[in-house]
Protein backbone atom coordinates (compact mmCIF):
# COMPACT_ATOMS: atom_id res chain seq x y z
CA MET A 1 52.41 60.35 63.57
CA THR A 2 49.96 60.98 60.72
CA GLY A 3 50.22 59.25 57.36
CA ILE A 4 51.59 62.41 55.70
CA GLN A 5 54.26 62.86 58.38
CA GLU A 6 55.24 59.19 58.03
CA GLU A 7 55.51 59.59 54.24
CA ASN A 8 57.60 62.77 54.56
CA LYS A 9 59.94 61.01 56.99
CA HIS A 10 60.70 58.36 54.36
CA THR A 11 60.96 60.74 51.38
CA GLY A 12 63.19 63.20 53.26
CA LEU A 13 66.03 60.66 53.57
CA PRO A 14 66.62 60.17 49.81
CA ARG A 15 66.34 63.93 49.30
CA GLU A 16 68.93 64.57 51.99
CA THR A 17 71.21 61.87 50.56
CA HIS A 18 70.88 63.36 47.09
CA GLY A 19 71.68 66.84 48.45
CA ASN A 20 74.79 65.52 50.18
CA MET A 21 75.90 63.80 46.96
CA ILE A 22 75.57 67.10 45.08
CA LYS A 23 77.63 68.93 47.73
CA CYS A 24 80.34 66.25 47.58
CA ALA A 25 80.44 66.41 43.77
CA LYS A 26 80.76 70.22 43.87
CA ASN A 27 83.58 70.02 46.41
CA ALA A 28 85.40 67.36 44.40
CA HIS A 29 85.04 69.42 41.22
CA TRP A 30 86.36 72.55 42.99
CA GLU A 31 89.33 70.68 44.42
CA ASP A 32 90.14 69.19 40.98
CA PHE A 33 89.94 72.68 39.50
CA LEU A 34 92.30 74.09 42.13
CA VAL A 35 94.81 71.27 41.60
CA SER A 36 94.86 71.88 37.84
CA LEU A 37 95.57 75.64 38.07
CA ASP A 38 98.26 77.13 35.85
CA ASP A 39 99.60 80.68 35.35
CA ARG A 40 96.50 81.85 33.48
CA SER A 41 93.72 80.02 35.29
CA VAL A 42 94.93 81.14 38.72
CA TRP A 43 93.34 84.52 37.97
CA THR A 44 90.03 82.85 37.18
CA ALA A 45 90.17 81.10 40.56
CA HIS A 46 91.01 84.43 42.19
CA ARG A 47 87.97 86.02 40.55
CA TYR A 48 85.73 83.17 41.76
CA MET A 49 87.04 83.48 45.31
CA SER A 50 86.84 87.28 45.54
CA CYS A 51 83.29 87.69 44.13
CA GLU A 52 80.24 88.10 46.31
CA PRO A 53 78.53 84.76 46.92
CA THR A 54 75.23 84.37 45.10
CA ASP A 55 72.40 81.91 45.31
CA GLY A 56 73.44 80.41 41.96
CA GLY A 57 69.98 80.80 40.44
CA ARG A 58 69.78 84.55 40.25
CA MET A 59 70.72 86.03 36.90
CA ARG A 60 73.06 88.96 36.74
CA VAL A 61 72.45 91.49 33.99
CA LEU A 62 75.69 93.01 32.78
CA MET A 63 76.06 96.72 32.12
CA LEU A 64 73.61 97.92 29.47
CA ARG A 65 74.39 100.50 26.83
CA VAL A 66 71.54 102.18 24.93
CA LYS A 67 71.64 104.72 22.12
CA GLN A 68 69.32 107.60 22.93
CA ALA A 69 67.07 109.43 20.44
CA ASP A 70 69.51 112.35 20.29
CA GLY A 71 72.37 109.98 19.37
CA SER A 72 74.09 109.98 22.75
CA ILE A 73 74.97 106.73 24.52
CA ARG A 74 73.57 105.96 27.98
CA ASP A 75 75.20 103.34 30.21
CA ALA A 76 73.39 101.59 33.04
CA GLU A 77 75.34 99.85 35.78
CA VAL A 78 72.81 99.94 38.63
CA ASN A 79 69.76 97.66 38.67
CA THR A 80 67.26 100.54 38.77
CA ASP A 81 68.74 102.05 35.58
CA LYS A 82 68.88 98.63 33.91
CA SER A 83 65.24 97.89 34.72
CA GLU A 84 64.20 101.30 33.37
CA MET A 85 66.10 100.65 30.11
CA LEU A 86 64.65 97.16 29.71
CA CYS A 87 61.14 98.44 30.45
CA ASP A 88 61.52 101.19 27.82
CA ALA A 89 62.81 98.65 25.27
CA PHE A 90 60.13 96.01 25.76
CA PHE A 91 57.00 97.95 26.67
CA LEU A 92 55.47 100.71 24.55
CA LYS A 93 54.50 103.97 26.16
CA PRO A 94 50.73 104.55 26.29
CA ILE A 95 49.40 106.90 23.65
CA VAL A 96 47.69 109.92 25.13
CA ASP A 97 44.69 110.97 23.07
CA ASP A 98 43.79 114.52 24.14
CA ALA A 99 41.14 114.95 21.44
CA GLY A 100 38.77 112.49 23.11
CA ASP A 101 35.22 112.32 21.81
CA ALA A 102 34.72 116.08 21.58
CA GLY A 103 33.79 116.60 17.93
CA GLU A 104 32.74 113.10 16.90
CA GLU A 105 29.18 112.15 16.06
CA PHE A 106 28.06 108.64 16.87
CA PRO A 107 25.25 106.79 15.06
CA ALA A 108 22.02 106.03 16.86
CA PRO A 109 22.06 102.74 18.79
CA LYS A 110 20.72 99.70 16.92
CA PHE A 111 19.28 98.06 20.04
CA LYS A 112 17.81 99.25 23.28
CA TYR A 113 20.06 98.57 26.28
CA LYS A 114 18.80 96.05 28.81
CA PRO A 115 20.84 95.37 31.96
CA ILE A 116 21.63 91.73 32.67
CA THR A 117 19.80 90.62 35.78
CA ASN A 118 20.75 86.96 36.25
C-alpha cells in the first residue's frame, strides 16, 4: 500500500462515521416530526412524502411571472421558459449597429505600425 492509500484508509473512517451520524440525526428528526403530527401538520408530512426526491442541494425556481412590453403577463412553469426569462432579465441584448464605418472619416495614424516579433 502506498503512503497516500494508507492515509486515505485512515481518513475514510472518520468521514464514514460522520456520514452515519448525519443519517441517524436525520432519521431521528423525521421520526420526532412524525410523532408530533397534528391535524394541520399531517398535510405537510403528506406533501413531503408525495414529492419527488431531490438531491437536497439543487435549487428549485418557482413559477415566474413577467410583465411583457405590451402589458400582458407571461407565466413560466417549465425550466426552459424560466431560463429564457431570467436570461432576458439579467443580460442585455447586443446592440446591432448597421451603420458601421461607412461614412466616418478617421484621422491619420500618429505612429507607424510595427508588428511585435518577440
